[in-house]
Amino acid sequence: SSIGGMVVRLAGVKATITKEIITTQYGTFIVADSCSGLGFFLTALTLGLSYALLFTTQWTLRWRIVATAAALSLVANWVRVVGLVLIGHH
């Protein structure tokens, strides 16, 4: 969440982000375990690995596909967290 926190601060919102608690001047958001992003991450890894094993034969390409899926899931989760904080702030 440190990247999400940095983006939120760059947007002009003073927020403190700890593990599952996001605090702004207008309120506190508690992120449930089911919304933590772990589900996104595991789903992306599963889809990336399945695609890589079914449609490619080179191991280096397979690793790149899985790494890209993992990175995209992290970025998507950060965008989601930042969006929720900005919506809650405004």
N, C-alpha and C. Protein backbone atom coordinates (compact mmCIF):
# COMPACT_ATOMS: atom_id res chain seq x y z
N SER A 1 0.81 -1.20 0.00
CA SER A 1 0.00 0.00 0.00
C SER A 1 0.84 1.25 0.00
N SER A 2 2.14 1.15 0.10
CA SER A 2 2.95 2.35 0.13
C SER A 2 2.88 3.09 -1.20
N ILE A 3 2.79 2.38 -2.31
CA ILE A 3 2.63 3.05 -3.60
C ILE A 3 1.26 3.69 -3.68
N GLY A 4 0.22 2.96 -3.23
CA GLY A 4 -1.12 3.54 -3.20
C GLY A 4 -1.16 4.77 -2.32
N GLY A 5 -0.50 4.73 -1.17
CA GLY A 5 -0.46 5.88 -0.28
C GLY A 5 0.24 7.06 -0.92
N MET A 6 1.31 6.80 -1.66
CA MET A 6 2.03 7.86 -2.33
C MET A 6 1.16 8.51 -3.41
N VAL A 7 0.43 7.71 -4.16
CA VAL A 7 -0.43 8.24 -5.21
C VAL A 7 -1.58 9.06 -4.60
N VAL A 8 -2.13 8.58 -3.48
CA VAL A 8 -3.19 9.31 -2.81
C VAL A 8 -2.68 10.66 -2.34
N ARG A 9 -1.47 10.70 -1.77
CA ARG A 9 -0.91 11.97 -1.32
C ARG A 9 -0.61 12.89 -2.50
N LEU A 10 -0.17 12.34 -3.62
CA LEU A 10 0.07 13.15 -4.81
C LEU A 10 -1.23 13.76 -5.34
N ALA A 11 -2.34 13.10 -5.09
CA ALA A 11 -3.65 13.61 -5.51
C ALA A 11 -4.16 14.70 -4.56
N GLY A 12 -3.40 14.98 -3.51
CA GLY A 12 -3.78 16.04 -2.60
C GLY A 12 -4.61 15.61 -1.41
N VAL A 13 -4.71 14.32 -1.18
CA VAL A 13 -5.49 13.81 -0.05
C VAL A 13 -4.52 13.39 1.04
N LYS A 14 -4.72 13.94 2.22
CA LYS A 14 -3.88 13.54 3.35
C LYS A 14 -4.47 12.26 3.93
N ALA A 15 -3.74 11.18 3.75
CA ALA A 15 -4.23 9.87 4.20
C ALA A 15 -3.09 9.10 4.84
N THR A 16 -3.44 8.35 5.84
CA THR A 16 -2.50 7.43 6.47
C THR A 16 -2.98 6.03 6.15
N ILE A 17 -2.09 5.24 5.57
CA ILE A 17 -2.47 3.89 5.17
C ILE A 17 -1.58 2.91 5.93
N THR A 18 -2.22 2.10 6.76
CA THR A 18 -1.53 0.99 7.41
C THR A 18 -2.13 -0.28 6.83
N LYS A 19 -1.76 -1.42 7.32
CA LYS A 19 -2.15 -2.68 6.70
C LYS A 19 -3.57 -2.68 6.14
N GLU A 20 -4.57 -2.63 6.99
CA GLU A 20 -5.94 -2.70 6.50
C GLU A 20 -6.77 -1.48 6.86
N ILE A 21 -6.13 -0.42 7.32
CA ILE A 21 -6.86 0.78 7.72
C ILE A 21 -6.35 1.99 6.93
N ILE A 22 -7.28 2.68 6.30
CA ILE A 22 -6.97 3.90 5.56
C ILE A 22 -7.70 5.04 6.28
N THR A 23 -6.94 6.02 6.76
CA THR A 23 -7.52 7.12 7.52
C THR A 23 -7.32 8.41 6.76
N THR A 24 -8.43 9.12 6.52
CA THR A 24 -8.38 10.45 5.92
C THR A 24 -9.03 11.42 6.91
N GLN A 25 -9.03 12.70 6.57
CA GLN A 25 -9.64 13.68 7.47
C GLN A 25 -11.15 13.53 7.54
N TYR A 26 -11.74 12.82 6.59
CA TYR A 26 -13.19 12.65 6.55
C TYR A 26 -13.68 11.31 7.09
N GLY A 27 -12.76 10.41 7.40
CA GLY A 27 -13.20 9.13 7.92
C GLY A 27 -12.13 8.07 7.81
N THR A 28 -12.49 6.90 8.28
CA THR A 28 -11.58 5.76 8.28
C THR A 28 -12.20 4.62 7.48
N PHE A 29 -11.41 4.04 6.61
CA PHE A 29 -11.84 2.91 5.80
C PHE A 29 -11.12 1.67 6.33
N ILE A 30 -11.85 0.62 6.59
CA ILE A 30 -11.25 -0.64 6.99
C ILE A 30 -11.41 -1.61 5.83
N VAL A 31 -10.30 -2.08 5.33
CA VAL A 31 -10.30 -2.99 4.18
C VAL A 31 -10.50 -4.41 4.69
N ALA A 32 -11.56 -5.03 4.24
CA ALA A 32 -11.84 -6.41 4.64
C ALA A 32 -10.83 -7.36 4.01
N ASP A 33 -10.64 -8.50 4.64
CA ASP A 33 -9.71 -9.49 4.10
C ASP A 33 -10.06 -9.88 2.67
N SER A 34 -11.35 -9.97 2.38
CA SER A 34 -11.77 -10.37 1.04
C SER A 34 -11.48 -9.28 0.01
N CYS A 35 -11.20 -8.07 0.44
CA CYS A 35 -10.91 -6.96 -0.48
C CYS A 35 -9.43 -6.58 -0.45
N SER A 36 -8.60 -7.41 0.12
CA SER A 36 -7.20 -7.05 0.32
C SER A 36 -6.36 -7.08 -0.94
N GLY A 37 -6.85 -7.66 -2.00
CA GLY A 37 -6.08 -7.76 -3.23
C GLY A 37 -5.46 -9.13 -3.41
N LEU A 38 -5.47 -9.94 -2.36
CA LEU A 38 -4.89 -11.28 -2.48
C LEU A 38 -5.66 -12.12 -3.50
N GLY A 39 -6.97 -11.95 -3.52
CA GLY A 39 -7.78 -12.67 -4.51
C GLY A 39 -7.42 -12.28 -5.93
N PHE A 40 -7.21 -10.97 -6.17
CA PHE A 40 -6.79 -10.50 -7.49
C PHE A 40 -5.46 -11.13 -7.87
N PHE A 41 -4.54 -11.13 -6.91
CA PHE A 41 -3.20 -11.63 -7.17
C PHE A 41 -3.22 -13.13 -7.50
N LEU A 42 -3.93 -13.90 -6.69
CA LEU A 42 -3.98 -15.35 -6.94
C LEU A 42 -4.71 -15.68 -8.24
N THR A 43 -5.76 -14.94 -8.55
CA THR A 43 -6.48 -15.16 -9.80
C THR A 43 -5.59 -14.84 -10.99
N ALA A 44 -4.87 -13.72 -10.91
CA ALA A 44 -3.97 -13.34 -12.01
C ALA A 44 -2.87 -14.38 -12.20
N LEU A 45 -2.32 -14.88 -11.10
CA LEU A 45 -1.29 -15.91 -11.22
C LEU A 45 -1.84 -17.18 -11.85
N THR A 46 -3.04 -17.56 -11.44
CA THR A 46 -3.66 -18.77 -12.00
C THR A 46 -3.93 -18.62 -13.49
N LEU A 47 -4.51 -17.47 -13.87
CA LEU A 47 -4.80 -17.24 -15.29
C LEU A 47 -3.51 -17.13 -16.11
N GLY A 48 -2.53 -16.42 -15.57
CA GLY A 48 -1.26 -16.27 -16.28
C GLY A 48 -0.56 -17.60 -16.46
N LEU A 49 -0.54 -18.40 -15.41
CA LEU A 49 0.11 -19.70 -15.48
C LEU A 49 -0.64 -20.63 -16.44
N SER A 50 -1.96 -20.62 -16.37
CA SER A 50 -2.75 -21.47 -17.27
C SER A 50 -2.51 -21.08 -18.72
N TYR A 51 -2.56 -19.79 -19.02
CA TYR A 51 -2.32 -19.33 -20.38
C TYR A 51 -0.91 -19.72 -20.84
N ALA A 52 0.07 -19.48 -19.97
CA ALA A 52 1.45 -19.77 -20.34
C ALA A 52 1.66 -21.25 -20.63
N LEU A 53 1.08 -22.11 -19.82
CA LEU A 53 1.27 -23.54 -20.02
C LEU A 53 0.49 -24.08 -21.22
N LEU A 54 -0.68 -23.49 -21.49
CA LEU A 54 -1.50 -24.00 -22.59
C LEU A 54 -1.08 -23.49 -23.96
N PHE A 55 -0.57 -22.26 -24.02
CA PHE A 55 -0.37 -21.63 -25.32
C PHE A 55 1.06 -21.29 -25.67
N THR A 56 2.02 -21.56 -24.80
CA THR A 56 3.41 -21.28 -25.13
C THR A 56 4.27 -22.50 -24.81
N THR A 57 5.42 -22.57 -25.45
CA THR A 57 6.32 -23.70 -25.21
C THR A 57 7.66 -23.27 -24.64
N GLN A 58 8.00 -22.00 -24.75
CA GLN A 58 9.29 -21.52 -24.25
C GLN A 58 9.16 -21.12 -22.78
N TRP A 59 10.10 -21.61 -21.97
CA TRP A 59 10.03 -21.33 -20.53
C TRP A 59 10.24 -19.86 -20.22
N THR A 60 11.10 -19.19 -20.97
CA THR A 60 11.31 -17.76 -20.68
C THR A 60 10.04 -16.95 -20.96
N LEU A 61 9.34 -17.29 -22.02
CA LEU A 61 8.09 -16.61 -22.33
C LEU A 61 7.04 -16.93 -21.27
N ARG A 62 7.01 -18.15 -20.81
CA ARG A 62 6.06 -18.52 -19.75
C ARG A 62 6.29 -17.70 -18.49
N TRP A 63 7.56 -17.58 -18.09
CA TRP A 63 7.87 -16.79 -16.89
C TRP A 63 7.49 -15.33 -17.08
N ARG A 64 7.71 -14.80 -18.27
CA ARG A 64 7.34 -13.40 -18.54
C ARG A 64 5.84 -13.20 -18.45
N ILE A 65 5.08 -14.14 -18.96
CA ILE A 65 3.61 -14.05 -18.90
C ILE A 65 3.13 -14.07 -17.46
N VAL A 66 3.66 -14.97 -16.66
CA VAL A 66 3.26 -15.07 -15.26
C VAL A 66 3.68 -13.81 -14.49
N ALA A 67 4.88 -13.33 -14.74
CA ALA A 67 5.35 -12.11 -14.06
C ALA A 67 4.51 -10.90 -14.46
N THR A 68 4.13 -10.83 -15.73
CA THR A 68 3.29 -9.73 -16.19
C THR A 68 1.91 -9.79 -15.55
N ALA A 69 1.35 -10.97 -15.46
CA ALA A 69 0.04 -11.14 -14.82
C ALA A 69 0.10 -10.70 -13.36
N ALA A 70 1.16 -11.08 -12.66
CA ALA A 70 1.31 -10.69 -11.25
C ALA A 70 1.45 -9.18 -11.12
N ALA A 71 2.28 -8.58 -11.97
CA ALA A 71 2.48 -7.12 -11.91
C ALA A 71 1.20 -6.37 -12.23
N LEU A 72 0.46 -6.83 -13.22
CA LEU A 72 -0.79 -6.16 -13.57
C LEU A 72 -1.82 -6.26 -12.45
N SER A 73 -1.84 -7.38 -11.75
CA SER A 73 -2.80 -7.51 -10.64
C SER A 73 -2.44 -6.56 -9.51
N LEU A 74 -1.16 -6.36 -9.25
CA LEU A 74 -0.74 -5.41 -8.22
C LEU A 74 -1.11 -3.98 -8.60
N VAL A 75 -0.84 -3.61 -9.84
CA VAL A 75 -1.17 -2.27 -10.31
C VAL A 75 -2.68 -2.04 -10.27
N ALA A 76 -3.45 -3.02 -10.71
CA ALA A 76 -4.91 -2.89 -10.68
C ALA A 76 -5.42 -2.72 -9.26
N ASN A 77 -4.83 -3.43 -8.32
CA ASN A 77 -5.27 -3.29 -6.93
C ASN A 77 -4.92 -1.91 -6.39
N TRP A 78 -3.75 -1.38 -6.73
CA TRP A 78 -3.38 -0.03 -6.28
C TRP A 78 -4.33 1.01 -6.86
N VAL A 79 -4.69 0.85 -8.12
CA VAL A 79 -5.65 1.77 -8.75
C VAL A 79 -6.99 1.70 -8.03
N ARG A 80 -7.41 0.50 -7.68
CA ARG A 80 -8.68 0.32 -6.97
C ARG A 80 -8.65 0.99 -5.60
N VAL A 81 -7.57 0.80 -4.85
CA VAL A 81 -7.46 1.40 -3.52
C VAL A 81 -7.44 2.91 -3.61
N VAL A 82 -6.64 3.44 -4.53
CA VAL A 82 -6.56 4.90 -4.69
C VAL A 82 -7.94 5.44 -5.09
N GLY A 83 -8.60 4.78 -6.01
CA GLY A 83 -9.93 5.23 -6.43
C GLY A 83 -10.91 5.25 -5.27
N LEU A 84 -10.91 4.22 -4.45
CA LEU A 84 -11.82 4.17 -3.31
C LEU A 84 -11.52 5.28 -2.31
N VAL A 85 -10.26 5.54 -2.05
CA VAL A 85 -9.90 6.62 -1.12
C VAL A 85 -10.31 7.98 -1.68
N LEU A 86 -10.07 8.20 -2.96
CA LEU A 86 -10.47 9.47 -3.56
C LEU A 86 -11.97 9.65 -3.58
N ILE A 87 -12.70 8.59 -3.88
CA ILE A 87 -14.17 8.67 -3.86
C ILE A 87 -14.65 8.94 -2.44
N GLY A 88 -14.10 8.27 -1.47
CA GLY A 88 -14.50 8.50 -0.09
C GLY A 88 -14.13 9.89 0.38
N HIS A 89 -13.04 10.42 -0.09
CA HIS A 89 -12.61 11.76 0.30
C HIS A 89 -13.52 12.83 -0.27
N HIS A 90 -13.90 12.65 -1.53
CA HIS A 90 -14.72 13.68 -2.18
C HIS A 90 -16.18 13.44 -1.94
